[in-house]
Amino acid sequence: MAEGCFITELSNSADDPAVSIARARVEPGVTTRRHRLQGITERYFIISGKGRVEIGDLPPQEVNSGDVVLIPPMCSQRIANIGKEDLIFLAICSPRYTQDVYEDVEDING
């Protein structure tokens, strides 16, 4: 949980390099570490809970169940759980996520 959330890989295989899907869970009051992904477009699909997402230089935006957030490659991002229940969302990456594309930028931007 170094990033600030619990990740469960649902689909991430070299046999399907076009996309990966992970389930993320952020506990109430927790904000994930600011990070960016090299060469990966990421989409958050909010399943349940209430959050505040920060993407690049855009103003923070509140997200709720059913919302989709588009995060371009190399764009700093983090999400906070501002509700009273777990914030649960799918992180859909294209092409597929691999650990080597993750870059922590908390100390650079935050």
PDB file of N, CA and C in Angstrom:
ATOM      1  N   MET A   1       0.818  -1.193   0.000  1.00  0.00           N
ATOM      2  CA  MET A   1       0.000   0.000   0.000  1.00  0.00           C
ATOM      3  C   MET A   1       0.861   1.255   0.000  1.00  0.00           C
ATOM      4  N   ALA A   2       2.067   1.191  -0.486  1.00  0.00           N
ATOM      5  CA  ALA A   2       2.967   2.336  -0.498  1.00  0.00           C
ATOM      6  C   ALA A   2       2.371   3.516  -1.265  1.00  0.00           C
ATOM      7  N   GLU A   3       1.564   3.218  -2.268  1.00  0.00           N
ATOM      8  CA  GLU A   3       0.953   4.273  -3.083  1.00  0.00           C
ATOM      9  C   GLU A   3      -0.239   4.923  -2.379  1.00  0.00           C
ATOM     10  N   GLY A   4      -0.785   4.271  -1.372  1.00  0.00           N
ATOM     11  CA  GLY A   4      -1.922   4.814  -0.652  1.00  0.00           C
ATOM     12  C   GLY A   4      -3.234   4.131  -0.973  1.00  0.00           C
ATOM     13  N   CYS A   5      -3.162   3.044  -1.751  1.00  0.00           N
ATOM     14  CA  CYS A   5      -4.384   2.302  -2.064  1.00  0.00           C
ATOM     15  C   CYS A   5      -4.067   0.817  -2.214  1.00  0.00           C
ATOM     16  N   PHE A   6      -5.112   0.030  -2.203  1.00  0.00           N
ATOM     17  CA  PHE A   6      -4.981  -1.409  -2.369  1.00  0.00           C
ATOM     18  C   PHE A   6      -5.362  -1.756  -3.801  1.00  0.00           C
ATOM     19  N   ILE A   7      -4.484  -2.444  -4.520  1.00  0.00           N
ATOM     20  CA  ILE A   7      -4.689  -2.764  -5.940  1.00  0.00           C
ATOM     21  C   ILE A   7      -4.864  -4.270  -6.100  1.00  0.00           C
ATOM     22  N   THR A   8      -5.886  -4.658  -6.857  1.00  0.00           N
ATOM     23  CA  THR A   8      -6.090  -6.048  -7.249  1.00  0.00           C
ATOM     24  C   THR A   8      -6.091  -6.110  -8.764  1.00  0.00           C
ATOM     25  N   GLU A   9      -5.100  -6.772  -9.334  1.00  0.00           N
ATOM     26  CA  GLU A   9      -5.042  -6.915 -10.797  1.00  0.00           C
ATOM     27  C   GLU A   9      -6.163  -7.843 -11.253  1.00  0.00           C
ATOM     28  N   LEU A  10      -6.999  -7.376 -12.165  1.00  0.00           N
ATOM     29  CA  LEU A  10      -8.080  -8.194 -12.710  1.00  0.00           C
ATOM     30  C   LEU A  10      -7.707  -8.782 -14.065  1.00  0.00           C
ATOM     31  N   SER A  11      -6.981  -8.006 -14.861  1.00  0.00           N
ATOM     32  CA  SER A  11      -6.551  -8.463 -16.183  1.00  0.00           C
ATOM     33  C   SER A  11      -5.282  -7.713 -16.549  1.00  0.00           C
ATOM     34  N   ASN A  12      -4.159  -8.421 -16.552  1.00  0.00           N
ATOM     35  CA  ASN A  12      -2.887  -7.816 -16.929  1.00  0.00           C
ATOM     36  C   ASN A  12      -1.958  -8.931 -17.386  1.00  0.00           C
ATOM     37  N   SER A  13      -1.867  -9.087 -18.706  1.00  0.00           N
ATOM     38  CA  SER A  13      -1.104 -10.199 -19.257  1.00  0.00           C
ATOM     39  C   SER A  13      -0.351  -9.768 -20.512  1.00  0.00           C
ATOM     40  N   ALA A  14       0.848 -10.282 -20.665  1.00  0.00           N
ATOM     41  CA  ALA A  14       1.612 -10.022 -21.886  1.00  0.00           C
ATOM     42  C   ALA A  14       0.888 -10.575 -23.112  1.00  0.00           C
ATOM     43  N   ASP A  15      -0.024 -11.532 -22.901  1.00  0.00           N
ATOM     44  CA  ASP A  15      -0.813 -12.076 -24.012  1.00  0.00           C
ATOM     45  C   ASP A  15      -1.877 -11.088 -24.496  1.00  0.00           C
ATOM     46  N   ASP A  16      -2.159 -10.050 -23.710  1.00  0.00           N
ATOM     47  CA  ASP A  16      -3.141  -9.022 -24.068  1.00  0.00           C
ATOM     48  C   ASP A  16      -2.521  -7.653 -23.773  1.00  0.00           C
ATOM     49  N   PRO A  17      -1.520  -7.242 -24.566  1.00  0.00           N
ATOM     50  CA  PRO A  17      -0.753  -6.037 -24.246  1.00  0.00           C
ATOM     51  C   PRO A  17      -1.507  -4.726 -24.447  1.00  0.00           C
ATOM     52  N   ALA A  18      -2.676  -4.760 -25.059  1.00  0.00           N
ATOM     53  CA  ALA A  18      -3.396  -3.526 -25.374  1.00  0.00           C
ATOM     54  C   ALA A  18      -4.015  -2.859 -24.161  1.00  0.00           C
ATOM     55  N   VAL A  19      -4.318  -3.643 -23.112  1.00  0.00           N
ATOM     56  CA  VAL A  19      -5.042  -3.067 -21.975  1.00  0.00           C
ATOM     57  C   VAL A  19      -4.791  -3.872 -20.707  1.00  0.00           C
ATOM     58  N   SER A  20      -4.883  -3.196 -19.573  1.00  0.00           N
ATOM     59  CA  SER A  20      -4.911  -3.880 -18.275  1.00  0.00           C
ATOM     60  C   SER A  20      -6.011  -3.240 -17.439  1.00  0.00           C
ATOM     61  N   ILE A  21      -6.557  -4.033 -16.522  1.00  0.00           N
ATOM     62  CA  ILE A  21      -7.633  -3.572 -15.657  1.00  0.00           C
ATOM     63  C   ILE A  21      -7.293  -3.983 -14.229  1.00  0.00           C
ATOM     64  N   ALA A  22      -7.360  -3.019 -13.327  1.00  0.00           N
ATOM     65  CA  ALA A  22      -7.122  -3.294 -11.915  1.00  0.00           C
ATOM     66  C   ALA A  22      -8.234  -2.660 -11.095  1.00  0.00           C
ATOM     67  N   ARG A  23      -8.547  -3.285  -9.958  1.00  0.00           N
ATOM     68  CA  ARG A  23      -9.507  -2.720  -9.003  1.00  0.00           C
ATOM     69  C   ARG A  23      -8.706  -2.033  -7.917  1.00  0.00           C
ATOM     70  N   ALA A  24      -9.037  -0.776  -7.651  1.00  0.00           N
ATOM     71  CA  ALA A  24      -8.343  -0.010  -6.614  1.00  0.00           C
ATOM     72  C   ALA A  24      -9.316   0.319  -5.491  1.00  0.00           C
ATOM     73  N   ARG A  25      -8.797   0.274  -4.270  1.00  0.00           N
ATOM     74  CA  ARG A  25      -9.599   0.627  -3.096  1.00  0.00           C
ATOM     75  C   ARG A  25      -8.806   1.605  -2.240  1.00  0.00           C
ATOM     76  N   VAL A  26      -9.435   2.766  -1.957  1.00  0.00           N
ATOM     77  CA  VAL A  26      -8.817   3.798  -1.135  1.00  0.00           C
ATOM     78  C   VAL A  26      -9.695   3.981   0.102  1.00  0.00           C
ATOM     79  N   GLU A  27      -9.091   3.894   1.260  1.00  0.00           N
ATOM     80  CA  GLU A  27      -9.839   4.010   2.506  1.00  0.00           C
ATOM     81  C   GLU A  27     -10.233   5.467   2.770  1.00  0.00           C
ATOM     82  N   PRO A  28     -11.291   5.682   3.559  1.00  0.00           N
ATOM     83  CA  PRO A  28     -11.729   7.048   3.883  1.00  0.00           C
ATOM     84  C   PRO A  28     -10.592   7.885   4.477  1.00  0.00           C
ATOM     85  N   GLY A  29     -10.495   9.131   4.011  1.00  0.00           N
ATOM     86  CA  GLY A  29      -9.483  10.050   4.517  1.00  0.00           C
ATOM     87  C   GLY A  29      -8.107   9.896   3.917  1.00  0.00           C
ATOM     88  N   VAL A  30      -7.917   8.927   3.022  1.00  0.00           N
ATOM     89  CA  VAL A  30      -6.602   8.660   2.431  1.00  0.00           C
ATOM     90  C   VAL A  30      -6.498   9.309   1.052  1.00  0.00           C
ATOM     91  N   THR A  31      -5.322   9.874   0.758  1.00  0.00           N
ATOM     92  CA  THR A  31      -5.004  10.409  -0.566  1.00  0.00           C
ATOM     93  C   THR A  31      -3.835   9.598  -1.111  1.00  0.00           C
ATOM     94  N   THR A  32      -3.947   9.137  -2.348  1.00  0.00           N
ATOM     95  CA  THR A  32      -2.855   8.373  -2.951  1.00  0.00           C
ATOM     96  C   THR A  32      -1.665   9.293  -3.223  1.00  0.00           C
ATOM     97  N   ARG A  33      -0.513   8.695  -3.396  1.00  0.00           N
ATOM     98  CA  ARG A  33       0.678   9.473  -3.733  1.00  0.00           C
ATOM     99  C   ARG A  33       0.549  10.010  -5.155  1.00  0.00           C
ATOM    100  N   ARG A  34       1.047  11.223  -5.339  1.00  0.00           N
ATOM    101  CA  ARG A  34       1.051  11.814  -6.684  1.00  0.00           C
ATOM    102  C   ARG A  34       2.039  11.019  -7.538  1.00  0.00           C
ATOM    103  N   HIS A  35       1.582  10.600  -8.726  1.00  0.00           N
ATOM    104  CA  HIS A  35       2.418   9.802  -9.615  1.00  0.00           C
ATOM    105  C   HIS A  35       2.010  10.063 -11.060  1.00  0.00           C
ATOM    106  N   ARG A  36       2.782   9.507 -11.972  1.00  0.00           N
ATOM    107  CA  ARG A  36       2.445   9.563 -13.402  1.00  0.00           C
ATOM    108  C   ARG A  36       2.913   8.270 -14.050  1.00  0.00           C
ATOM    109  N   LEU A  37       2.313   7.986 -15.204  1.00  0.00           N
ATOM    110  CA  LEU A  37       2.641   6.765 -15.939  1.00  0.00           C
ATOM    111  C   LEU A  37       3.226   7.135 -17.296  1.00  0.00           C
ATOM    112  N   GLN A  38       4.365   6.547 -17.616  1.00  0.00           N
ATOM    113  CA  GLN A  38       5.044   6.818 -18.877  1.00  0.00           C
ATOM    114  C   GLN A  38       4.412   6.004 -20.000  1.00  0.00           C
ATOM    115  N   GLY A  39       3.915   6.703 -21.035  1.00  0.00           N
ATOM    116  CA  GLY A  39       3.406   6.029 -22.227  1.00  0.00           C
ATOM    117  C   GLY A  39       2.082   5.311 -22.052  1.00  0.00           C
ATOM    118  N   ILE A  40       1.364   5.580 -20.965  1.00  0.00           N
ATOM    119  CA  ILE A  40       0.109   4.877 -20.668  1.00  0.00           C
ATOM    120  C   ILE A  40      -1.009   5.893 -20.489  1.00  0.00           C
ATOM    121  N   THR A  41      -2.119   5.668 -21.161  1.00  0.00           N
ATOM    122  CA  THR A  41      -3.340   6.420 -20.889  1.00  0.00           C
ATOM    123  C   THR A  41      -4.131   5.612 -19.875  1.00  0.00           C
ATOM    124  N   GLU A  42      -4.563   6.289 -18.814  1.00  0.00           N
ATOM    125  CA  GLU A  42      -5.290   5.594 -17.758  1.00  0.00           C
ATOM    126  C   GLU A  42      -6.689   6.193 -17.630  1.00  0.00           C
ATOM    127  N   ARG A  43      -7.631   5.324 -17.340  1.00  0.00           N
ATOM    128  CA  ARG A  43      -9.003   5.751 -17.082  1.00  0.00           C
ATOM    129  C   ARG A  43      -9.417   5.185 -15.741  1.00  0.00           C
ATOM    130  N   TYR A  44     -10.009   6.027 -14.898  1.00  0.00           N
ATOM    131  CA  TYR A  44     -10.615   5.561 -13.657  1.00  0.00           C
ATOM    132  C   TYR A  44     -12.114   5.464 -13.894  1.00  0.00           C
ATOM    133  N   PHE A  45     -12.692   4.318 -13.592  1.00  0.00           N
ATOM    134  CA  PHE A  45     -14.145   4.166 -13.594  1.00  0.00           C
ATOM    135  C   PHE A  45     -14.555   3.991 -12.144  1.00  0.00           C
ATOM    136  N   ILE A  46     -15.259   4.984 -11.609  1.00  0.00           N
ATOM    137  CA  ILE A  46     -15.621   4.973 -10.197  1.00  0.00           C
ATOM    138  C   ILE A  46     -16.794   4.020  -9.978  1.00  0.00           C
ATOM    139  N   ILE A  47     -16.569   3.006  -9.156  1.00  0.00           N
ATOM    140  CA  ILE A  47     -17.610   2.011  -8.855  1.00  0.00           C
ATOM    141  C   ILE A  47     -18.447   2.457  -7.666  1.00  0.00           C
ATOM    142  N   SER A  48     -17.784   2.881  -6.593  1.00  0.00           N
ATOM    143  CA  SER A  48     -18.525   3.327  -5.411  1.00  0.00           C
ATOM    144  C   SER A  48     -17.655   4.258  -4.583  1.00  0.00           C
ATOM    145  N   GLY A  49     -18.319   5.067  -3.775  1.00  0.00           N
ATOM    146  CA  GLY A  49     -17.616   6.006  -2.923  1.00  0.00           C
ATOM    147  C   GLY A  49     -17.583   7.397  -3.526  1.00  0.00           C
ATOM    148  N   LYS A  50     -16.876   8.263  -2.831  1.00  0.00           N
ATOM    149  CA  LYS A  50     -16.798   9.669  -3.219  1.00  0.00           C
ATOM    150  C   LYS A  50     -15.333  10.088  -3.150  1.00  0.00           C
ATOM    151  N   GLY A  51     -14.849  10.713  -4.219  1.00  0.00           N
ATOM    152  CA  GLY A  51     -13.447  11.091  -4.251  1.00  0.00           C
ATOM    153  C   GLY A  51     -13.222  12.475  -4.816  1.00  0.00           C
ATOM    154  N   ARG A  52     -11.970  12.905  -4.707  1.00  0.00           N
ATOM    155  CA  ARG A  52     -11.515  14.145  -5.329  1.00  0.00           C
ATOM    156  C   ARG A  52     -10.250  13.803  -6.091  1.00  0.00           C
ATOM    157  N   VAL A  53     -10.301  13.973  -7.410  1.00  0.00           N
ATOM    158  CA  VAL A  53      -9.174  13.612  -8.259  1.00  0.00           C
ATOM    159  C   VAL A  53      -8.431  14.870  -8.684  1.00  0.00           C
ATOM    160  N   GLU A  54      -7.101  14.743  -8.740  1.00  0.00           N
ATOM    161  CA  GLU A  54      -6.246  15.831  -9.218  1.00  0.00           C
ATOM    162  C   GLU A  54      -5.440  15.288 -10.389  1.00  0.00           C
ATOM    163  N   ILE A  55      -5.558  15.973 -11.527  1.00  0.00           N
ATOM    164  CA  ILE A  55      -4.865  15.553 -12.745  1.00  0.00           C
ATOM    165  C   ILE A  55      -4.106  16.751 -13.302  1.00  0.00           C
ATOM    166  N   GLY A  56      -2.784  16.637 -13.346  1.00  0.00           N
ATOM    167  CA  GLY A  56      -1.965  17.715 -13.883  1.00  0.00           C
ATOM    168  C   GLY A  56      -2.260  19.039 -13.203  1.00  0.00           C
ATOM    169  N   ASP A  57      -2.417  20.086 -14.033  1.00  0.00           N
ATOM    170  CA  ASP A  57      -2.673  21.430 -13.529  1.00  0.00           C
ATOM    171  C   ASP A  57      -4.160  21.761 -13.451  1.00  0.00           C
ATOM    172  N   LEU A  58      -5.021  20.785 -13.756  1.00  0.00           N
ATOM    173  CA  LEU A  58      -6.461  21.026 -13.696  1.00  0.00           C
ATOM    174  C   LEU A  58      -6.906  21.206 -12.248  1.00  0.00           C
ATOM    175  N   PRO A  59      -7.976  21.978 -12.031  1.00  0.00           N
ATOM    176  CA  PRO A  59      -8.485  22.087 -10.655  1.00  0.00           C
ATOM    177  C   PRO A  59      -8.991  20.736 -10.163  1.00  0.00           C
ATOM    178  N   PRO A  60      -8.885  20.461  -8.858  1.00  0.00           N
ATOM    179  CA  PRO A  60      -9.407  19.203  -8.319  1.00  0.00           C
ATOM    180  C   PRO A  60     -10.885  19.047  -8.673  1.00  0.00           C
ATOM    181  N   GLN A  61     -11.292  17.806  -8.944  1.00  0.00           N
ATOM    182  CA  GLN A  61     -12.669  17.533  -9.353  1.00  0.00           C
ATOM    183  C   GLN A  61     -13.244  16.416  -8.494  1.00  0.00           C
ATOM    184  N   GLU A  62     -14.469  16.607  -8.028  1.00  0.00           N
ATOM    185  CA  GLU A  62     -15.143  15.579  -7.248  1.00  0.00           C
ATOM    186  C   GLU A  62     -15.651  14.493  -8.183  1.00  0.00           C
ATOM    187  N   VAL A  63     -15.515  13.236  -7.752  1.00  0.00           N
ATOM    188  CA  VAL A  63     -15.998  12.097  -8.543  1.00  0.00           C
ATOM    189  C   VAL A  63     -16.868  11.203  -7.673  1.00  0.00           C
ATOM    190  N   ASN A  64     -17.841  10.579  -8.322  1.00  0.00           N
ATOM    191  CA  ASN A  64     -18.797   9.703  -7.651  1.00  0.00           C
ATOM    192  C   ASN A  64     -19.029   8.477  -8.513  1.00  0.00           C
ATOM    193  N   SER A  65     -19.805   7.556  -7.989  1.00  0.00           N
ATOM    194  CA  SER A  65     -20.143   6.328  -8.692  1.00  0.00           C
ATOM    195  C   SER A  65     -20.612   6.610 -10.111  1.00  0.00           C
ATOM    196  N   GLY A  66     -20.038   5.881 -11.085  1.00  0.00           N
ATOM    197  CA  GLY A  66     -20.409   6.016 -12.484  1.00  0.00           C
ATOM    198  C   GLY A  66     -19.561   6.988 -13.271  1.00  0.00           C
ATOM    199  N   ASP A  67     -18.757   7.809 -12.600  1.00  0.00           N
ATOM    200  CA  ASP A  67     -17.900   8.776 -13.299  1.00  0.00           C
ATOM    201  C   ASP A  67     -16.698   8.076 -13.932  1.00  0.00           C
ATOM    202  N   VAL A  68     -16.231   8.646 -15.045  1.00  0.00           N
ATOM    203  CA  VAL A  68     -15.019   8.176 -15.720  1.00  0.00           C
ATOM    204  C   VAL A  68     -14.037   9.340 -15.772  1.00  0.00           C
ATOM    205  N   VAL A  69     -12.796   9.083 -15.408  1.00  0.00           N
ATOM    206  CA  VAL A  69     -11.743  10.088 -15.408  1.00  0.00           C
ATOM    207  C   VAL A  69     -10.688   9.653 -16.414  1.00  0.00           C
ATOM    208  N   LEU A  70     -10.310  10.543 -17.335  1.00  0.00           N
ATOM    209  CA  LEU A  70      -9.285  10.253 -18.339  1.00  0.00           C
ATOM    210  C   LEU A  70      -7.978  10.911 -17.920  1.00  0.00           C
ATOM    211  N   ILE A  71      -6.910  10.126 -17.870  1.00  0.00           N
ATOM    212  CA  ILE A  71      -5.608  10.621 -17.450  1.00  0.00           C
ATOM    213  C   ILE A  71      -4.598  10.349 -18.575  1.00  0.00           C
ATOM    214  N   PRO A  72      -4.135  11.406 -19.258  1.00  0.00           N
ATOM    215  CA  PRO A  72      -3.171  11.222 -20.349  1.00  0.00           C
ATOM    216  C   PRO A  72      -1.817  10.727 -19.834  1.00  0.00           C
ATOM    217  N   PRO A  73      -1.003  10.152 -20.724  1.00  0.00           N
ATOM    218  CA  PRO A  73       0.340   9.710 -20.334  1.00  0.00           C
ATOM    219  C   PRO A  73       1.161  10.868 -19.752  1.00  0.00           C
ATOM    220  N   MET A  74       2.001  10.565 -18.783  1.00  0.00           N
ATOM    221  CA  MET A  74       2.932  11.499 -18.144  1.00  0.00           C
ATOM    222  C   MET A  74       2.248  12.660 -17.430  1.00  0.00           C
ATOM    223  N   CYS A  75       0.980  12.511 -17.120  1.00  0.00           N
ATOM    224  CA  CYS A  75       0.228  13.542 -16.413  1.00  0.00           C
ATOM    225  C   CYS A  75       0.163  13.160 -14.928  1.00  0.00           C
ATOM    226  N   SER A  76       0.624  14.053 -14.061  1.00  0.00           N
ATOM    227  CA  SER A  76       0.594  13.720 -12.633  1.00  0.00           C
ATOM    228  C   SER A  76      -0.848  13.544 -12.172  1.00  0.00           C
ATOM    229  N   GLN A  77      -1.018  12.643 -11.209  1.00  0.00           N
ATOM    230  CA  GLN A  77      -2.364  12.299 -10.762  1.00  0.00           C
ATOM    231  C   GLN A  77      -2.339  11.808  -9.330  1.00  0.00           C
ATOM    232  N   ARG A  78      -3.461  12.034  -8.651  1.00  0.00           N
ATOM    233  CA  ARG A  78      -3.709  11.405  -7.351  1.00  0.00           C
ATOM    234  C   ARG A  78      -5.202  11.530  -7.083  1.00  0.00           C
ATOM    235  N   ILE A  79      -5.684  10.686  -6.172  1.00  0.00           N
ATOM    236  CA  ILE A  79      -7.097  10.693  -5.835  1.00  0.00           C
ATOM    237  C   ILE A  79      -7.237  10.561  -4.323  1.00  0.00           C
ATOM    238  N   ALA A  80      -8.184  11.311  -3.772  1.00  0.00           N
ATOM    239  CA  ALA A  80      -8.458  11.287  -2.336  1.00  0.00           C
ATOM    240  C   ALA A  80      -9.849  10.731  -2.100  1.00  0.00           C
ATOM    241  N   ASN A  81      -9.984   9.935  -1.064  1.00  0.00           N
ATOM    242  CA  ASN A  81     -11.301   9.471  -0.637  1.00  0.00           C
ATOM    243  C   ASN A  81     -11.848  10.522   0.324  1.00  0.00           C
ATOM    244  N   ILE A  82     -12.893  11.239  -0.111  1.00  0.00           N
ATOM    245  CA  ILE A  82     -13.473  12.291   0.724  1.00  0.00           C
ATOM    246  C   ILE A  82     -14.809  11.857   1.324  1.00  0.00           C
ATOM    247  N   GLY A  83     -15.121  10.576   1.192  1.00  0.00           N
ATOM    248  CA  GLY A  83     -16.368  10.044   1.738  1.00  0.00           C
ATOM    249  C   GLY A  83     -16.144   9.272   3.017  1.00  0.00           C
ATOM    250  N   LYS A  84     -17.197   8.612   3.469  1.00  0.00           N
ATOM    251  CA  LYS A  84     -17.148   7.850   4.707  1.00  0.00           C
ATOM    252  C   LYS A  84     -16.991   6.353   4.471  1.00  0.00           C
ATOM    253  N   GLU A  85     -17.085   5.920   3.225  1.00  0.00           N
ATOM    254  CA  GLU A  85     -16.917   4.512   2.855  1.00  0.00           C
ATOM    255  C   GLU A  85     -15.723   4.386   1.919  1.00  0.00           C
ATOM    256  N   ASP A  86     -15.263   3.159   1.685  1.00  0.00           N
ATOM    257  CA  ASP A  86     -14.162   2.947   0.754  1.00  0.00           C
ATOM    258  C   ASP A  86     -14.503   3.516  -0.622  1.00  0.00           C
ATOM    259  N   LEU A  87     -13.513   4.126  -1.263  1.00  0.00           N
ATOM    260  CA  LEU A  87     -13.611   4.559  -2.653  1.00  0.00           C
ATOM    261  C   LEU A  87     -13.088   3.411  -3.504  1.00  0.00           C
ATOM    262  N   ILE A  88     -13.922   2.894  -4.393  1.00  0.00           N
ATOM    263  CA  ILE A  88     -13.532   1.752  -5.221  1.00  0.00           C
ATOM    264  C   ILE A  88     -13.684   2.139  -6.676  1.00  0.00           C
ATOM    265  N   PHE A  89     -12.620   1.884  -7.458  1.00  0.00           N
ATOM    266  CA  PHE A  89     -12.666   2.212  -8.885  1.00  0.00           C
ATOM    267  C   PHE A  89     -11.824   1.231  -9.679  1.00  0.00           C
ATOM    268  N   LEU A  90     -12.128   1.155 -10.968  1.00  0.00           N
ATOM    269  CA  LEU A  90     -11.296   0.394 -11.893  1.00  0.00           C
ATOM    270  C   LEU A  90     -10.267   1.329 -12.494  1.00  0.00           C
ATOM    271  N   ALA A  91      -9.033   0.880 -12.570  1.00  0.00           N
ATOM    272  CA  ALA A  91      -7.970   1.598 -13.268  1.00  0.00           C
ATOM    273  C   ALA A  91      -7.709   0.826 -14.561  1.00  0.00           C
ATOM    274  N   ILE A  92      -8.084   1.435 -15.673  1.00  0.00           N
ATOM    275  CA  ILE A  92      -7.985   0.784 -16.982  1.00  0.00           C
ATOM    276  C   ILE A  92      -6.862   1.473 -17.744  1.00  0.00           C
ATOM    277  N   CYS A  93      -5.822   0.728 -18.073  1.00  0.00           N
ATOM    278  CA  CYS A  93      -4.631   1.291 -18.714  1.00  0.00           C
ATOM    279  C   CYS A  93      -4.472   0.765 -20.129  1.00  0.00           C
ATOM    280  N   SER A  94      -4.110   1.680 -21.037  1.00  0.00           N
ATOM    281  CA  SER A  94      -3.784   1.251 -22.395  1.00  0.00           C
ATOM    282  C   SER A  94      -2.555   2.027 -22.873  1.00  0.00           C
ATOM    283  N   PRO A  95      -1.524   1.314 -23.374  1.00  0.00           N
ATOM    284  CA  PRO A  95      -1.399  -0.140 -23.300  1.00  0.00           C
ATOM    285  C   PRO A  95      -1.311  -0.597 -21.842  1.00  0.00           C
ATOM    286  N   ARG A  96      -1.153  -1.888 -21.644  1.00  0.00           N
ATOM    287  CA  ARG A  96      -1.208  -2.470 -20.307  1.00  0.00           C
ATOM    288  C   ARG A  96      -0.154  -1.880 -19.366  1.00  0.00           C
ATOM    289  N   TYR A  97      -0.513  -1.854 -18.100  1.00  0.00           N
ATOM    290  CA  TYR A  97       0.372  -1.346 -17.054  1.00  0.00           C
ATOM    291  C   TYR A  97       1.484  -2.349 -16.756  1.00  0.00           C
ATOM    292  N   THR A  98       2.681  -1.827 -16.624  1.00  0.00           N
ATOM    293  CA  THR A  98       3.814  -2.586 -16.094  1.00  0.00           C
ATOM    294  C   THR A  98       4.501  -1.694 -15.063  1.00  0.00           C
ATOM    295  N   GLN A  99       5.097  -2.298 -14.053  1.00  0.00           N
ATOM    296  CA  GLN A  99       5.658  -1.531 -12.933  1.00  0.00           C
ATOM    297  C   GLN A  99       6.701  -0.507 -13.382  1.00  0.00           C
ATOM    298  N   ASP A 100       7.424  -0.775 -14.455  1.00  0.00           N
ATOM    299  CA  ASP A 100       8.489   0.124 -14.884  1.00  0.00           C
ATOM    300  C   ASP A 100       7.987   1.461 -15.439  1.00  0.00           C
ATOM    301  N   VAL A 101       6.693   1.603 -15.706  1.00  0.00           N
ATOM    302  CA  VAL A 101       6.152   2.870 -16.227  1.00  0.00           C
ATOM    303  C   VAL A 101       5.728   3.819 -15.101  1.00  0.00           C
ATOM    304  N   TYR A 102       5.681   3.314 -13.867  1.00  0.00           N
ATOM    305  CA  TYR A 102       5.229   4.111 -12.720  1.00  0.00           C
ATOM    306  C   TYR A 102       6.334   5.045 -12.254  1.00  0.00           C
ATOM    307  N   GLU A 103       5.986   6.310 -12.060  1.00  0.00           N
ATOM    308  CA  GLU A 103       6.946   7.285 -11.548  1.00  0.00           C
ATOM    309  C   GLU A 103       6.289   8.073 -10.410  1.00  0.00           C
ATOM    310  N   ASP A 104       6.838   7.962  -9.220  1.00  0.00           N
ATOM    311  CA  ASP A 104       6.355   8.706  -8.062  1.00  0.00           C
ATOM    312  C   ASP A 104       6.835  10.150  -8.216  1.00  0.00           C
ATOM    313  N   VAL A 105       5.918  11.111  -8.177  1.00  0.00           N
ATOM    314  CA  VAL A 105       6.287  12.522  -8.296  1.00  0.00           C
ATOM    315  C   VAL A 105       5.778  13.327  -7.096  1.00  0.00           C
ATOM    316  N   GLU A 106       5.492  12.649  -5.998  1.00  0.00           N
ATOM    317  CA  GLU A 106       4.974  13.315  -4.801  1.00  0.00           C
ATOM    318  C   GLU A 106       5.915  14.422  -4.340  1.00  0.00           C
ATOM    319  N   ASP A 107       7.208  14.151  -4.291  1.00  0.00           N
ATOM    320  CA  ASP A 107       8.163  15.134  -3.807  1.00  0.00           C
ATOM    321  C   ASP A 107       8.448  16.230  -4.832  1.00  0.00           C
ATOM    322  N   ILE A 108       8.180  15.956  -6.109  1.00  0.00           N
ATOM    323  CA  ILE A 108       8.410  16.939  -7.168  1.00  0.00           C
ATOM    324  C   ILE A 108       7.279  17.962  -7.194  1.00  0.00           C
ATOM    325  N   ASN A 109       6.030  17.472  -7.143  1.00  0.00           N
ATOM    326  CA  ASN A 109       4.870  18.343  -7.297  1.00  0.00           C
ATOM    327  C   ASN A 109       4.094  18.574  -6.010  1.00  0.00           C
ATOM    328  N   GLY A 110       4.391  17.876  -4.963  1.00  0.00           N
ATOM    329  CA  GLY A 110       3.490  17.949  -3.851  1.00  0.00           C
ATOM    330  C   GLY A 110       4.079  18.309  -2.568  1.00  0.00           C
TER     331      GLY A 110
END
